[in-house]
PDB file of N, CA and C in Angstrom:
ATOM      1  N   MET A   1      55.964 150.643  73.157  1.00  0.00           N
ATOM      2  CA  MET A   1      55.475 149.344  73.565  1.00  0.00           C
ATOM      3  C   MET A   1      54.081 148.979  73.066  1.00  0.00           C
ATOM      4  N   ASN A   2      53.805 147.705  72.900  1.00  0.00           N
ATOM      5  CA  ASN A   2      52.571 147.327  72.441  1.00  0.00           C
ATOM      6  C   ASN A   2      51.706 146.762  73.567  1.00  0.00           C
ATOM      7  N   TYR A   3      50.663 147.459  73.941  1.00  0.00           N
ATOM      8  CA  TYR A   3      49.829 146.998  75.104  1.00  0.00           C
ATOM      9  C   TYR A   3      48.480 146.414  74.636  1.00  0.00           C
ATOM     10  N   ASP A   4      48.528 145.838  73.410  1.00  0.00           N
ATOM     11  CA  ASP A   4      47.255 145.276  72.844  1.00  0.00           C
ATOM     12  C   ASP A   4      46.836 143.893  73.514  1.00  0.00           C
ATOM     13  N   LEU A   5      47.779 143.277  74.134  1.00  0.00           N
ATOM     14  CA  LEU A   5      47.499 141.963  74.817  1.00  0.00           C
ATOM     15  C   LEU A   5      46.697 142.223  76.106  1.00  0.00           C
ATOM     16  N   THR A   6      45.744 141.322  76.306  1.00  0.00           N
ATOM     17  CA  THR A   6      44.956 141.387  77.562  1.00  0.00           C
ATOM     18  C   THR A   6      45.652 140.518  78.608  1.00  0.00           C
ATOM     19  N   ILE A   7      45.267 140.705  79.864  1.00  0.00           N
ATOM     20  CA  ILE A   7      45.860 139.969  80.925  1.00  0.00           C
ATOM     21  C   ILE A   7      45.629 138.439  80.667  1.00  0.00           C
ATOM     22  N   GLY A   8      44.512 138.078  80.236  1.00  0.00           N
ATOM     23  CA  GLY A   8      44.207 136.654  79.912  1.00  0.00           C
ATOM     24  C   GLY A   8      45.121 136.049  78.917  1.00  0.00           C
ATOM     25  N   GLU A   9      45.456 136.843  77.853  1.00  0.00           N
ATOM     26  CA  GLU A   9      46.363 136.384  76.748  1.00  0.00           C
ATOM     27  C   GLU A   9      47.776 136.224  77.336  1.00  0.00           C
ATOM     28  N   ILE A  10      48.177 137.231  78.114  1.00  0.00           N
ATOM     29  CA  ILE A  10      49.516 137.160  78.719  1.00  0.00           C
ATOM     30  C   ILE A  10      49.566 135.934  79.625  1.00  0.00           C
ATOM     31  N   SER A  11      48.579 135.735  80.439  1.00  0.00           N
ATOM     32  CA  SER A  11      48.563 134.530  81.275  1.00  0.00           C
ATOM     33  C   SER A  11      48.599 133.263  80.565  1.00  0.00           C
ATOM     34  N   LYS A  12      47.993 133.137  79.397  1.00  0.00           N
ATOM     35  CA  LYS A  12      48.014 131.959  78.589  1.00  0.00           C
ATOM     36  C   LYS A  12      49.371 131.669  78.040  1.00  0.00           C
ATOM     37  N   ARG A  13      50.031 132.818  77.612  1.00  0.00           N
ATOM     38  CA  ARG A  13      51.418 132.693  77.059  1.00  0.00           C
ATOM     39  C   ARG A  13      52.381 132.248  78.142  1.00  0.00           C
ATOM     40  N   ILE A  14      52.206 132.842  79.339  1.00  0.00           N
ATOM     41  CA  ILE A  14      53.117 132.461  80.486  1.00  0.00           C
ATOM     42  C   ILE A  14      52.904 130.964  80.803  1.00  0.00           C
ATOM     43  N   ASP A  15      51.657 130.539  80.864  1.00  0.00           N
ATOM     44  CA  ASP A  15      51.383 129.121  81.199  1.00  0.00           C
ATOM     45  C   ASP A  15      52.006 128.170  80.162  1.00  0.00           C
ATOM     46  N   GLU A  16      51.897 128.498  78.855  1.00  0.00           N
ATOM     47  CA  GLU A  16      52.515 127.753  77.786  1.00  0.00           C
ATOM     48  C   GLU A  16      53.992 127.731  77.885  1.00  0.00           C
ATOM     49  N   GLN A  17      54.637 128.828  78.164  1.00  0.00           N
ATOM     50  CA  GLN A  17      56.093 128.831  78.314  1.00  0.00           C
ATOM     51  C   GLN A  17      56.525 128.028  79.527  1.00  0.00           C
ATOM     52  N   GLN A  18      55.753 128.117  80.610  1.00  0.00           N
ATOM     53  CA  GLN A  18      56.042 127.333  81.831  1.00  0.00           C
ATOM     54  C   GLN A  18      55.955 125.892  81.525  1.00  0.00           C
ATOM     55  N   ARG A  19      54.945 125.492  80.806  1.00  0.00           N
ATOM     56  CA  ARG A  19      54.779 124.015  80.451  1.00  0.00           C
ATOM     57  C   ARG A  19      55.942 123.533  79.610  1.00  0.00           C
ATOM     58  N   ILE A  20      56.387 124.331  78.621  1.00  0.00           N
ATOM     59  CA  ILE A  20      57.515 124.010  77.770  1.00  0.00           C
ATOM     60  C   ILE A  20      58.771 123.816  78.636  1.00  0.00           C
ATOM     61  N   LEU A  21      58.972 124.895  79.530  1.00  0.00           N
ATOM     62  CA  LEU A  21      60.149 124.741  80.406  1.00  0.00           C
ATOM     63  C   LEU A  21      60.128 123.521  81.289  1.00  0.00           C
ATOM     64  N   ASN A  22      58.969 123.188  81.855  1.00  0.00           N
ATOM     65  CA  ASN A  22      58.875 121.979  82.671  1.00  0.00           C
ATOM     66  C   ASN A  22      59.125 120.735  81.927  1.00  0.00           C
ATOM     67  N   ASP A  23      58.722 120.659  80.612  1.00  0.00           N
ATOM     68  CA  ASP A  23      58.924 119.536  79.799  1.00  0.00           C
ATOM     69  C   ASP A  23      60.458 119.384  79.514  1.00  0.00           C
ATOM     70  N   LEU A  24      61.139 120.505  79.303  1.00  0.00           N
ATOM     71  CA  LEU A  24      62.600 120.469  78.990  1.00  0.00           C
ATOM     72  C   LEU A  24      63.387 120.078  80.292  1.00  0.00           C
ATOM     73  N   ILE A  25      62.917 120.538  81.469  1.00  0.00           N
ATOM     74  CA  ILE A  25      63.582 120.125  82.683  1.00  0.00           C
ATOM     75  C   ILE A  25      63.453 118.627  82.921  1.00  0.00           C
ATOM     76  N   LYS A  26      62.205 118.102  82.635  1.00  0.00           N
ATOM     77  CA  LYS A  26      62.019 116.590  82.816  1.00  0.00           C
ATOM     78  C   LYS A  26      62.919 115.876  81.835  1.00  0.00           C
ATOM     79  N   GLU A  27      63.004 116.336  80.637  1.00  0.00           N
ATOM     80  CA  GLU A  27      63.799 115.654  79.617  1.00  0.00           C
ATOM     81  C   GLU A  27      65.303 115.659  80.046  1.00  0.00           C
ATOM     82  N   LYS A  28      65.791 116.810  80.524  1.00  0.00           N
ATOM     83  CA  LYS A  28      67.194 116.989  81.025  1.00  0.00           C
ATOM     84  C   LYS A  28      67.448 116.030  82.176  1.00  0.00           C
ATOM     85  N   ASN A  29      66.505 115.979  83.149  1.00  0.00           N
ATOM     86  CA  ASN A  29      66.607 115.087  84.297  1.00  0.00           C
ATOM     87  C   ASN A  29      66.686 113.606  83.926  1.00  0.00           C
ATOM     88  N   ASN A  30      65.848 113.227  82.942  1.00  0.00           N
ATOM     89  CA  ASN A  30      65.848 111.842  82.475  1.00  0.00           C
ATOM     90  C   ASN A  30      67.113 111.488  81.744  1.00  0.00           C
ATOM     91  N   ALA A  31      67.724 112.472  80.955  1.00  0.00           N
ATOM     92  CA  ALA A  31      68.903 112.199  80.253  1.00  0.00           C
ATOM     93  C   ALA A  31      70.101 112.037  81.280  1.00  0.00           C
ATOM     94  N   GLU A  32      70.058 112.858  82.324  1.00  0.00           N
ATOM     95  CA  GLU A  32      71.095 112.761  83.393  1.00  0.00           C
ATOM     96  C   GLU A  32      70.957 111.491  84.117  1.00  0.00           C
ATOM     97  N   THR A  33      69.821 111.019  84.345  1.00  0.00           N
ATOM     98  CA  THR A  33      69.618 109.787  85.070  1.00  0.00           C
ATOM     99  C   THR A  33      70.148 108.655  84.274  1.00  0.00           C
ATOM    100  N   ARG A  34      69.811 108.653  82.922  1.00  0.00           N
ATOM    101  CA  ARG A  34      70.335 107.560  82.042  1.00  0.00           C
ATOM    102  C   ARG A  34      71.812 107.607  81.985  1.00  0.00           C
ATOM    103  N   PHE A  35      72.438 108.766  81.882  1.00  0.00           N
ATOM    104  CA  PHE A  35      73.926 108.934  81.800  1.00  0.00           C
ATOM    105  C   PHE A  35      74.555 108.345  83.090  1.00  0.00           C
ATOM    106  N   TYR A  36      74.083 108.773  84.259  1.00  0.00           N
ATOM    107  CA  TYR A  36      74.708 108.303  85.518  1.00  0.00           C
ATOM    108  C   TYR A  36      74.458 106.826  85.763  1.00  0.00           C
ATOM    109  N   ASP A  37      73.276 106.293  85.312  1.00  0.00           N
ATOM    110  CA  ASP A  37      73.081 104.838  85.442  1.00  0.00           C
ATOM    111  C   ASP A  37      74.107 104.093  84.574  1.00  0.00           C
ATOM    112  N   ALA A  38      74.272 104.563  83.355  1.00  0.00           N
ATOM    113  CA  ALA A  38      75.285 103.929  82.482  1.00  0.00           C
ATOM    114  C   ALA A  38      76.682 104.006  83.045  1.00  0.00           C
ATOM    115  N   LEU A  39      77.027 105.204  83.614  1.00  0.00           N
ATOM    116  CA  LEU A  39      78.326 105.353  84.194  1.00  0.00           C
ATOM    117  C   LEU A  39      78.528 104.494  85.370  1.00  0.00           C
ATOM    118  N   GLU A  40      77.497 104.350  86.187  1.00  0.00           N
ATOM    119  CA  GLU A  40      77.568 103.479  87.382  1.00  0.00           C
ATOM    120  C   GLU A  40      77.782 102.028  86.928  1.00  0.00           C
ATOM    121  N   LYS A  41      77.078 101.642  85.911  1.00  0.00           N
ATOM    122  CA  LYS A  41      77.179 100.259  85.394  1.00  0.00           C
ATOM    123  C   LYS A  41      78.627  99.978  84.931  1.00  0.00           C
ATOM    124  N   LYS A  42      79.196 100.875  84.181  1.00  0.00           N
ATOM    125  CA  LYS A  42      80.559 100.756  83.681  1.00  0.00           C
ATOM    126  C   LYS A  42      81.536 100.723  84.813  1.00  0.00           C
ATOM    127  N   CYS A  43      81.365 101.637  85.761  1.00  0.00           N
ATOM    128  CA  CYS A  43      82.261 101.602  86.922  1.00  0.00           C
ATOM    129  C   CYS A  43      82.196 100.402  87.732  1.00  0.00           C
ATOM    130  N   SER A  44      81.023  99.823  87.906  1.00  0.00           N
ATOM    131  CA  SER A  44      80.830  98.677  88.752  1.00  0.00           C
ATOM    132  C   SER A  44      81.536  97.480  88.111  1.00  0.00           C
ATOM    133  N   GLN A  45      81.667  97.472  86.836  1.00  0.00           N
ATOM    134  CA  GLN A  45      82.357  96.381  86.109  1.00  0.00           C
ATOM    135  C   GLN A  45      83.846  96.522  86.358  1.00  0.00           C
ATOM    136  N   TRP A  46      84.332  97.763  86.694  1.00  0.00           N
ATOM    137  CA  TRP A  46      85.749  98.011  86.868  1.00  0.00           C
ATOM    138  C   TRP A  46      86.268  97.867  88.261  1.00  0.00           C
ATOM    139  N   ILE A  47      85.312  98.028  89.215  1.00  0.00           N
ATOM    140  CA  ILE A  47      85.720  98.023  90.658  1.00  0.00           C
ATOM    141  C   ILE A  47      86.402  96.723  90.981  1.00  0.00           C
ATOM    142  N   LYS A  48      87.358  96.900  91.877  1.00  0.00           N
ATOM    143  CA  LYS A  48      88.092  95.702  92.241  1.00  0.00           C
ATOM    144  C   LYS A  48      87.205  94.727  93.100  1.00  0.00           C
ATOM    145  N   LYS A  49      87.516  93.474  92.899  1.00  0.00           N
ATOM    146  CA  LYS A  49      86.621  92.471  93.554  1.00  0.00           C
ATOM    147  C   LYS A  49      87.540  91.475  94.290  1.00  0.00           C
ATOM    148  N   LYS A  50      87.137  91.023  95.433  1.00  0.00           N
ATOM    149  CA  LYS A  50      87.950  90.087  96.172  1.00  0.00           C
ATOM    150  C   LYS A  50      87.815  88.690  95.570  1.00  0.00           C
ATOM    151  N   THR A  51      88.945  87.941  95.583  1.00  0.00           N
ATOM    152  CA  THR A  51      88.955  86.595  95.164  1.00  0.00           C
ATOM    153  C   THR A  51      88.699  85.768  96.372  1.00  0.00           C
ATOM    154  N   SER A  52      88.699  84.447  96.216  1.00  0.00           N
ATOM    155  CA  SER A  52      88.480  83.571  97.322  1.00  0.00           C
ATOM    156  C   SER A  52      89.529  83.642  98.370  1.00  0.00           C
ATOM    157  N   ARG A  53      90.794  84.002  97.992  1.00  0.00           N
ATOM    158  CA  ARG A  53      91.875  84.027  98.959  1.00  0.00           C
ATOM    159  C   ARG A  53      91.997  85.434  99.652  1.00  0.00           C
ATOM    160  N   GLY A  54      91.035  86.353  99.353  1.00  0.00           N
ATOM    161  CA  GLY A  54      91.051  87.566  99.946  1.00  0.00           C
ATOM    162  C   GLY A  54      91.899  88.683  99.226  1.00  0.00           C
ATOM    163  N   LYS A  55      92.560  88.275  98.157  1.00  0.00           N
ATOM    164  CA  LYS A  55      93.300  89.251  97.433  1.00  0.00           C
ATOM    165  C   LYS A  55      92.358  90.069  96.459  1.00  0.00           C
ATOM    166  N   LYS A  56      92.783  91.238  96.115  1.00  0.00           N
ATOM    167  CA  LYS A  56      91.938  92.010  95.271  1.00  0.00           C
ATOM    168  C   LYS A  56      92.373  91.810  93.784  1.00  0.00           C
ATOM    169  N   LYS A  57      91.369  91.842  92.938  1.00  0.00           N
ATOM    170  CA  LYS A  57      91.646  91.569  91.558  1.00  0.00           C
ATOM    171  C   LYS A  57      90.820  92.572  90.695  1.00  0.00           C
ATOM    172  N   ARG A  58      91.456  93.131  89.721  1.00  0.00           N
ATOM    173  CA  ARG A  58      90.791  94.051  88.801  1.00  0.00           C
ATOM    174  C   ARG A  58      89.915  93.262  87.813  1.00  0.00           C
ATOM    175  N   ILE A  59      88.690  93.680  87.652  1.00  0.00           N
ATOM    176  CA  ILE A  59      87.754  92.936  86.826  1.00  0.00           C
ATOM    177  C   ILE A  59      87.901  93.391  85.310  1.00  0.00           C
ATOM    178  N   GLY A  60      88.218  94.658  85.130  1.00  0.00           N
ATOM    179  CA  GLY A  60      88.284  95.123  83.709  1.00  0.00           C
ATOM    180  C   GLY A  60      88.796  96.557  83.768  1.00  0.00           C
ATOM    181  N   GLN A  61      88.827  97.156  82.569  1.00  0.00           N
ATOM    182  CA  GLN A  61      89.235  98.539  82.465  1.00  0.00           C
ATOM    183  C   GLN A  61      88.067  99.491  82.383  1.00  0.00           C
ATOM    184  N   LEU A  62      88.252 100.668  82.944  1.00  0.00           N
ATOM    185  CA  LEU A  62      87.221 101.643  82.879  1.00  0.00           C
ATOM    186  C   LEU A  62      87.330 102.387  81.614  1.00  0.00           C
ATOM    187  N   LYS A  63      86.215 102.227  80.826  1.00  0.00           N
ATOM    188  CA  LYS A  63      86.132 102.895  79.557  1.00  0.00           C
ATOM    189  C   LYS A  63      84.790 103.614  79.533  1.00  0.00           C
ATOM    190  N   ILE A  64      84.835 104.993  79.363  1.00  0.00           N
ATOM    191  CA  ILE A  64      83.634 105.746  79.386  1.00  0.00           C
ATOM    192  C   ILE A  64      83.531 106.451  78.076  1.00  0.00           C
ATOM    193  N   LYS A  65      82.462 106.184  77.376  1.00  0.00           N
ATOM    194  CA  LYS A  65      82.212 106.860  76.126  1.00  0.00           C
ATOM    195  C   LYS A  65      81.054 107.770  76.265  1.00  0.00           C
ATOM    196  N   ILE A  66      81.250 109.082  75.989  1.00  0.00           N
ATOM    197  CA  ILE A  66      80.188 110.083  75.954  1.00  0.00           C
ATOM    198  C   ILE A  66      79.826 110.338  74.526  1.00  0.00           C
ATOM    199  N   ARG A  67      78.565 110.125  74.215  1.00  0.00           N
ATOM    200  CA  ARG A  67      78.123 110.324  72.927  1.00  0.00           C
ATOM    201  C   ARG A  67      77.569 111.761  72.722  1.00  0.00           C
TER     202      ARG A  67
END
């Protein structure tokens, strides 16, 4: 094993790796949020809606595209 690194250098590397990990987690969460928002929008277009006489009517077809 190589013990040439000081505690300060190890700490800096850990901090850098933690920062990178946090950035990736934020990016993943943002992508999930965008995906579920788009899915909710598509689904809301498909949900059955009542007409003036109280009958239910389908607004459209559910089409989900995952890129």
